[in-house]
PDB file of N, CA and C in Angstrom:
ATOM      1  N   UNK A   1     162.083 118.254  75.024  1.00  0.00           N
ATOM      2  CA  UNK A   1     162.145 117.033  76.262  1.00  0.00           C
ATOM      3  C   UNK A   1     160.600 117.090  76.653  1.00  0.00           C
ATOM      4  N   UNK A   2     160.062 116.105  75.892  1.00  0.00           N
ATOM      5  CA  UNK A   2     158.565 115.881  76.927  1.00  0.00           C
ATOM      6  C   UNK A   2     158.578 115.128  78.643  1.00  0.00           C
ATOM      7  N   UNK A   3     158.294 115.119  79.418  1.00  0.00           N
ATOM      8  CA  UNK A   3     158.510 114.627  80.425  1.00  0.00           C
ATOM      9  C   UNK A   3     157.155 113.924  81.266  1.00  0.00           C
ATOM     10  N   UNK A   4     156.383 112.526  81.100  1.00  0.00           N
ATOM     11  CA  UNK A   4     155.569 112.168  81.462  1.00  0.00           C
ATOM     12  C   UNK A   4     155.467 111.771  83.083  1.00  0.00           C
ATOM     13  N   UNK A   5     154.588 112.002  83.945  1.00  0.00           N
ATOM     14  CA  UNK A   5     154.498 112.018  85.180  1.00  0.00           C
ATOM     15  C   UNK A   5     152.967 111.484  85.495  1.00  0.00           C
ATOM     16  N   UNK A   6     153.731 110.430  86.412  1.00  0.00           N
ATOM     17  CA  UNK A   6     152.348 108.744  86.333  1.00  0.00           C
ATOM     18  C   UNK A   6     152.138 108.269  88.320  1.00  0.00           C
ATOM     19  N   UNK A   7     151.046 109.644  88.824  1.00  0.00           N
ATOM     20  CA  UNK A   7     150.925 108.632  89.890  1.00  0.00           C
ATOM     21  C   UNK A   7     150.382 107.784  90.297  1.00  0.00           C
ATOM     22  N   UNK A   8     150.976 106.962  91.438  1.00  0.00           N
ATOM     23  CA  UNK A   8     150.412 104.901  91.026  1.00  0.00           C
ATOM     24  C   UNK A   8     149.564 105.137  92.336  1.00  0.00           C
ATOM     25  N   UNK A   9     148.733 104.514  93.190  1.00  0.00           N
ATOM     26  CA  UNK A   9     148.610 103.795  94.548  1.00  0.00           C
ATOM     27  C   UNK A   9     148.729 102.700  94.653  1.00  0.00           C
ATOM     28  N   UNK A  10     149.058 101.988  93.807  1.00  0.00           N
ATOM     29  CA  UNK A  10     148.821 100.410  93.902  1.00  0.00           C
ATOM     30  C   UNK A  10     150.112 100.233  94.437  1.00  0.00           C
ATOM     31  N   UNK A  11     150.782  99.800  94.899  1.00  0.00           N
ATOM     32  CA  UNK A  11     151.937  99.089  94.327  1.00  0.00           C
ATOM     33  C   UNK A  11     152.118  98.279  92.996  1.00  0.00           C
ATOM     34  N   UNK A  12     153.654  98.337  92.529  1.00  0.00           N
ATOM     35  CA  UNK A  12     153.487  97.302  91.069  1.00  0.00           C
ATOM     36  C   UNK A  12     154.407  96.649  91.187  1.00  0.00           C
ATOM     37  N   UNK A  13     154.865  95.179  90.457  1.00  0.00           N
ATOM     38  CA  UNK A  13     156.153  95.105  90.716  1.00  0.00           C
ATOM     39  C   UNK A  13     156.850  95.467  89.969  1.00  0.00           C
ATOM     40  N   UNK A  14     158.118  94.876  89.463  1.00  0.00           N
ATOM     41  CA  UNK A  14     158.839  95.567  88.280  1.00  0.00           C
ATOM     42  C   UNK A  14     158.526  95.217  87.284  1.00  0.00           C
ATOM     43  N   UNK A  15     158.425  94.205  86.401  1.00  0.00           N
ATOM     44  CA  UNK A  15     157.945  93.670  85.729  1.00  0.00           C
ATOM     45  C   UNK A  15     156.766  94.769  85.242  1.00  0.00           C
ATOM     46  N   UNK A  16     155.216  94.716  85.926  1.00  0.00           N
ATOM     47  CA  UNK A  16     154.407  95.833  85.203  1.00  0.00           C
ATOM     48  C   UNK A  16     155.060  97.551  85.293  1.00  0.00           C
ATOM     49  N   UNK A  17     155.768  97.632  86.341  1.00  0.00           N
ATOM     50  CA  UNK A  17     156.321  98.978  85.887  1.00  0.00           C
ATOM     51  C   UNK A  17     156.997  99.205  84.675  1.00  0.00           C
ATOM     52  N   UNK A  18     157.933  97.603  84.146  1.00  0.00           N
ATOM     53  CA  UNK A  18     158.863  98.045  83.397  1.00  0.00           C
ATOM     54  C   UNK A  18     158.332  98.135  82.417  1.00  0.00           C
ATOM     55  N   UNK A  19     156.713  96.996  82.052  1.00  0.00           N
ATOM     56  CA  UNK A  19     155.851  97.165  80.651  1.00  0.00           C
ATOM     57  C   UNK A  19     155.018  98.954  80.902  1.00  0.00           C
ATOM     58  N   UNK A  20     154.646  98.863  82.189  1.00  0.00           N
ATOM     59  CA  UNK A  20     154.260 100.341  81.605  1.00  0.00           C
ATOM     60  C   UNK A  20     155.107 101.693  81.251  1.00  0.00           C
ATOM     61  N   UNK A  21     156.275 101.400  81.533  1.00  0.00           N
ATOM     62  CA  UNK A  21     157.536 102.458  81.233  1.00  0.00           C
ATOM     63  C   UNK A  21     157.370 102.445  79.558  1.00  0.00           C
ATOM     64  N   UNK A  22     157.621 101.222  79.421  1.00  0.00           N
ATOM     65  CA  UNK A  22     157.688 101.272  77.586  1.00  0.00           C
ATOM     66  C   UNK A  22     156.791 101.336  77.054  1.00  0.00           C
ATOM     67  N   UNK A  23     155.407 101.300  77.068  1.00  0.00           N
ATOM     68  CA  UNK A  23     154.536 101.462  76.842  1.00  0.00           C
ATOM     69  C   UNK A  23     154.268 102.848  76.797  1.00  0.00           C
ATOM     70  N   UNK A  24     154.145 104.205  77.399  1.00  0.00           N
ATOM     71  CA  UNK A  24     154.111 105.228  77.826  1.00  0.00           C
ATOM     72  C   UNK A  24     154.760 105.843  76.461  1.00  0.00           C
ATOM     73  N   UNK A  25     156.191 105.180  76.703  1.00  0.00           N
ATOM     74  CA  UNK A  25     157.049 106.266  75.733  1.00  0.00           C
ATOM     75  C   UNK A  25     156.635 105.815  74.543  1.00  0.00           C
ATOM     76  N   UNK A  26     156.543 104.156  73.810  1.00  0.00           N
ATOM     77  CA  UNK A  26     156.315 103.870  72.953  1.00  0.00           C
ATOM     78  C   UNK A  26     154.843 104.825  72.177  1.00  0.00           C
ATOM     79  N   UNK A  27     153.941 104.747  72.427  1.00  0.00           N
ATOM     80  CA  UNK A  27     152.738 105.895  72.411  1.00  0.00           C
ATOM     81  C   UNK A  27     153.130 106.872  72.314  1.00  0.00           C
ATOM     82  N   UNK A  28     153.477 107.467  73.346  1.00  0.00           N
ATOM     83  CA  UNK A  28     153.853 109.042  73.703  1.00  0.00           C
ATOM     84  C   UNK A  28     154.866 109.522  71.830  1.00  0.00           C
ATOM     85  N   UNK A  29     155.699 108.420  72.340  1.00  0.00           N
ATOM     86  CA  UNK A  29     156.738 108.750  70.610  1.00  0.00           C
ATOM     87  C   UNK A  29     155.954 108.604  69.563  1.00  0.00           C
ATOM     88  N   UNK A  30     154.956 107.583  69.016  1.00  0.00           N
ATOM     89  CA  UNK A  30     154.257 107.701  68.149  1.00  0.00           C
ATOM     90  C   UNK A  30     153.388 108.692  67.720  1.00  0.00           C
ATOM     91  N   UNK A  31     152.494 108.801  69.010  1.00  0.00           N
ATOM     92  CA  UNK A  31     151.544 109.880  68.823  1.00  0.00           C
ATOM     93  C   UNK A  31     152.135 111.455  68.682  1.00  0.00           C
ATOM     94  N   UNK A  32     153.287 112.133  68.680  1.00  0.00           N
ATOM     95  CA  UNK A  32     154.113 112.816  68.566  1.00  0.00           C
ATOM     96  C   UNK A  32     155.015 112.922  67.691  1.00  0.00           C
ATOM     97  N   UNK A  33     155.132 111.371  67.594  1.00  0.00           N
ATOM     98  CA  UNK A  33     156.148 111.570  66.031  1.00  0.00           C
ATOM     99  C   UNK A  33     157.433 112.593  66.447  1.00  0.00           C
ATOM    100  N   UNK A  34     157.954 111.532  67.607  1.00  0.00           N
ATOM    101  CA  UNK A  34     159.016 112.158  68.078  1.00  0.00           C
ATOM    102  C   UNK A  34     159.851 111.140  68.957  1.00  0.00           C
ATOM    103  N   UNK A  35     160.944 110.759  68.307  1.00  0.00           N
ATOM    104  CA  UNK A  35     162.037 109.949  69.165  1.00  0.00           C
ATOM    105  C   UNK A  35     162.056 109.458  70.169  1.00  0.00           C
ATOM    106  N   UNK A  36     161.705 108.319  70.841  1.00  0.00           N
ATOM    107  CA  UNK A  36     161.517 107.264  72.366  1.00  0.00           C
ATOM    108  C   UNK A  36     162.451 108.199  72.664  1.00  0.00           C
ATOM    109  N   UNK A  37     163.978 108.085  72.347  1.00  0.00           N
ATOM    110  CA  UNK A  37     164.888 108.829  73.337  1.00  0.00           C
ATOM    111  C   UNK A  37     164.901 110.010  73.962  1.00  0.00           C
ATOM    112  N   UNK A  38     164.087 110.861  73.642  1.00  0.00           N
ATOM    113  CA  UNK A  38     164.148 112.240  74.286  1.00  0.00           C
ATOM    114  C   UNK A  38     163.051 112.253  75.302  1.00  0.00           C
ATOM    115  N   UNK A  39     162.402 111.145  76.132  1.00  0.00           N
ATOM    116  CA  UNK A  39     160.914 111.328  76.231  1.00  0.00           C
ATOM    117  C   UNK A  39     161.452 110.661  77.623  1.00  0.00           C
ATOM    118  N   UNK A  40     161.173 111.599  78.605  1.00  0.00           N
ATOM    119  CA  UNK A  40     161.172 110.516  80.244  1.00  0.00           C
ATOM    120  C   UNK A  40     159.711 111.072  80.806  1.00  0.00           C
ATOM    121  N   UNK A  41     160.041 109.732  82.069  1.00  0.00           N
ATOM    122  CA  UNK A  41     158.926 108.933  82.538  1.00  0.00           C
ATOM    123  C   UNK A  41     158.964 109.172  83.884  1.00  0.00           C
ATOM    124  N   UNK A  42     158.270 109.807  84.337  1.00  0.00           N
ATOM    125  CA  UNK A  42     158.898 109.275  86.199  1.00  0.00           C
ATOM    126  C   UNK A  42     157.480 108.725  87.069  1.00  0.00           C
ATOM    127  N   UNK A  43     157.507 107.967  87.494  1.00  0.00           N
ATOM    128  CA  UNK A  43     156.507 106.781  87.988  1.00  0.00           C
ATOM    129  C   UNK A  43     156.379 107.144  89.750  1.00  0.00           C
ATOM    130  N   UNK A  44     155.763 107.630  90.142  1.00  0.00           N
ATOM    131  CA  UNK A  44     155.677 107.733  92.061  1.00  0.00           C
ATOM    132  C   UNK A  44     154.391 106.826  92.214  1.00  0.00           C
ATOM    133  N   UNK A  45     155.125 106.057  93.032  1.00  0.00           N
ATOM    134  CA  UNK A  45     154.263 105.186  93.584  1.00  0.00           C
ATOM    135  C   UNK A  45     153.911 105.813  95.486  1.00  0.00           C
ATOM    136  N   UNK A  46     152.525 105.922  95.902  1.00  0.00           N
ATOM    137  CA  UNK A  46     152.914 106.520  96.990  1.00  0.00           C
ATOM    138  C   UNK A  46     152.031 105.259  98.050  1.00  0.00           C
ATOM    139  N   UNK A  47     152.090 105.381  99.060  1.00  0.00           N
ATOM    140  CA  UNK A  47     151.110 104.991  99.996  1.00  0.00           C
ATOM    141  C   UNK A  47     149.501 104.748  99.550  1.00  0.00           C
ATOM    142  N   UNK A  48     148.743 104.254  99.942  1.00  0.00           N
ATOM    143  CA  UNK A  48     147.440 104.080  99.985  1.00  0.00           C
ATOM    144  C   UNK A  48     147.303 105.162 100.942  1.00  0.00           C
ATOM    145  N   UNK A  49     147.179 105.017 101.798  1.00  0.00           N
ATOM    146  CA  UNK A  49     147.232 106.336 102.540  1.00  0.00           C
ATOM    147  C   UNK A  49     147.356 107.412 102.223  1.00  0.00           C
ATOM    148  N   UNK A  50     147.421 107.619 101.806  1.00  0.00           N
ATOM    149  CA  UNK A  50     148.192 109.306 100.836  1.00  0.00           C
ATOM    150  C   UNK A  50     147.013 109.325 100.189  1.00  0.00           C
ATOM    151  N   UNK A  51     145.805 108.565  99.929  1.00  0.00           N
ATOM    152  CA  UNK A  51     144.876 108.559  98.112  1.00  0.00           C
ATOM    153  C   UNK A  51     143.709 108.303  99.280  1.00  0.00           C
ATOM    154  N   UNK A  52     142.409 109.239  99.216  1.00  0.00           N
ATOM    155  CA  UNK A  52     140.726 108.852  99.428  1.00  0.00           C
ATOM    156  C   UNK A  52     140.586 109.478  98.303  1.00  0.00           C
ATOM    157  N   UNK A  53     139.162 108.604  98.419  1.00  0.00           N
ATOM    158  CA  UNK A  53     138.040 108.841  97.604  1.00  0.00           C
ATOM    159  C   UNK A  53     136.948 109.257  98.820  1.00  0.00           C
ATOM    160  N   UNK A  54     136.089 110.238  98.487  1.00  0.00           N
ATOM    161  CA  UNK A  54     135.238 111.061  99.463  1.00  0.00           C
ATOM    162  C   UNK A  54     135.640 111.014 100.662  1.00  0.00           C
ATOM    163  N   UNK A  55     136.641 110.747 101.376  1.00  0.00           N
ATOM    164  CA  UNK A  55     137.311 111.368 102.303  1.00  0.00           C
ATOM    165  C   UNK A  55     137.501 109.877 103.411  1.00  0.00           C
ATOM    166  N   UNK A  56     137.566 108.791 102.253  1.00  0.00           N
ATOM    167  CA  UNK A  56     137.993 107.928 103.009  1.00  0.00           C
ATOM    168  C   UNK A  56     139.471 107.593 101.869  1.00  0.00           C
ATOM    169  N   UNK A  57     140.714 106.982 102.628  1.00  0.00           N
ATOM    170  CA  UNK A  57     141.867 106.376 101.966  1.00  0.00           C
ATOM    171  C   UNK A  57     141.617 104.786 100.900  1.00  0.00           C
ATOM    172  N   UNK A  58     142.310 105.064 100.190  1.00  0.00           N
ATOM    173  CA  UNK A  58     141.986 103.925  99.980  1.00  0.00           C
ATOM    174  C   UNK A  58     142.569 102.274 100.674  1.00  0.00           C
ATOM    175  N   UNK A  59     143.490 102.709 102.029  1.00  0.00           N
ATOM    176  CA  UNK A  59     143.782 101.854 102.715  1.00  0.00           C
ATOM    177  C   UNK A  59     142.465 101.115 103.590  1.00  0.00           C
ATOM    178  N   UNK A  60     141.691 102.175 103.328  1.00  0.00           N
ATOM    179  CA  UNK A  60     140.805 101.976 104.433  1.00  0.00           C
ATOM    180  C   UNK A  60     139.594 101.071 103.693  1.00  0.00           C
ATOM    181  N   UNK A  61     139.284 101.582 102.789  1.00  0.00           N
ATOM    182  CA  UNK A  61     138.441 101.213 101.791  1.00  0.00           C
ATOM    183  C   UNK A  61     138.973  99.711 101.099  1.00  0.00           C
ATOM    184  N   UNK A  62     140.151  99.181 101.527  1.00  0.00           N
ATOM    185  CA  UNK A  62     140.011  97.971 100.786  1.00  0.00           C
ATOM    186  C   UNK A  62     140.394  98.182  98.952  1.00  0.00           C
ATOM    187  N   UNK A  63     139.956  99.985  98.073  1.00  0.00           N
ATOM    188  CA  UNK A  63     140.299  99.411  96.952  1.00  0.00           C
ATOM    189  C   UNK A  63     141.751  98.756  96.776  1.00  0.00           C
ATOM    190  N   UNK A  64     141.259  97.498  95.250  1.00  0.00           N
ATOM    191  CA  UNK A  64     142.524  97.107  94.636  1.00  0.00           C
ATOM    192  C   UNK A  64     142.958  98.363  93.610  1.00  0.00           C
ATOM    193  N   UNK A  65     142.281  99.633  92.740  1.00  0.00           N
ATOM    194  CA  UNK A  65     142.463 100.171  91.683  1.00  0.00           C
ATOM    195  C   UNK A  65     143.940 101.423  92.212  1.00  0.00           C
ATOM    196  N   UNK A  66     144.343 101.432  90.866  1.00  0.00           N
ATOM    197  CA  UNK A  66     144.869 102.565  90.999  1.00  0.00           C
ATOM    198  C   UNK A  66     143.950 103.713  90.734  1.00  0.00           C
ATOM    199  N   UNK A  67     144.673 104.897  91.320  1.00  0.00           N
ATOM    200  CA  UNK A  67     144.038 106.361  91.098  1.00  0.00           C
ATOM    201  C   UNK A  67     144.534 107.094  90.276  1.00  0.00           C
TER     202      UNK A  67
END
């Protein structure tokens, strides 16, 4: 049973998360030629204070993009 793990530093709406999880599952199933119901996806949304680029947190830098 495949497990896809995603780390995201930007908070996302419920709709965006739903679309992302569905797209990841569908793409993986197609490429690997397996049934979608065998795929698990785990989405972790972390506080922007817990991510840094060059020693500066995303919260401090004002970056909006996901890591």
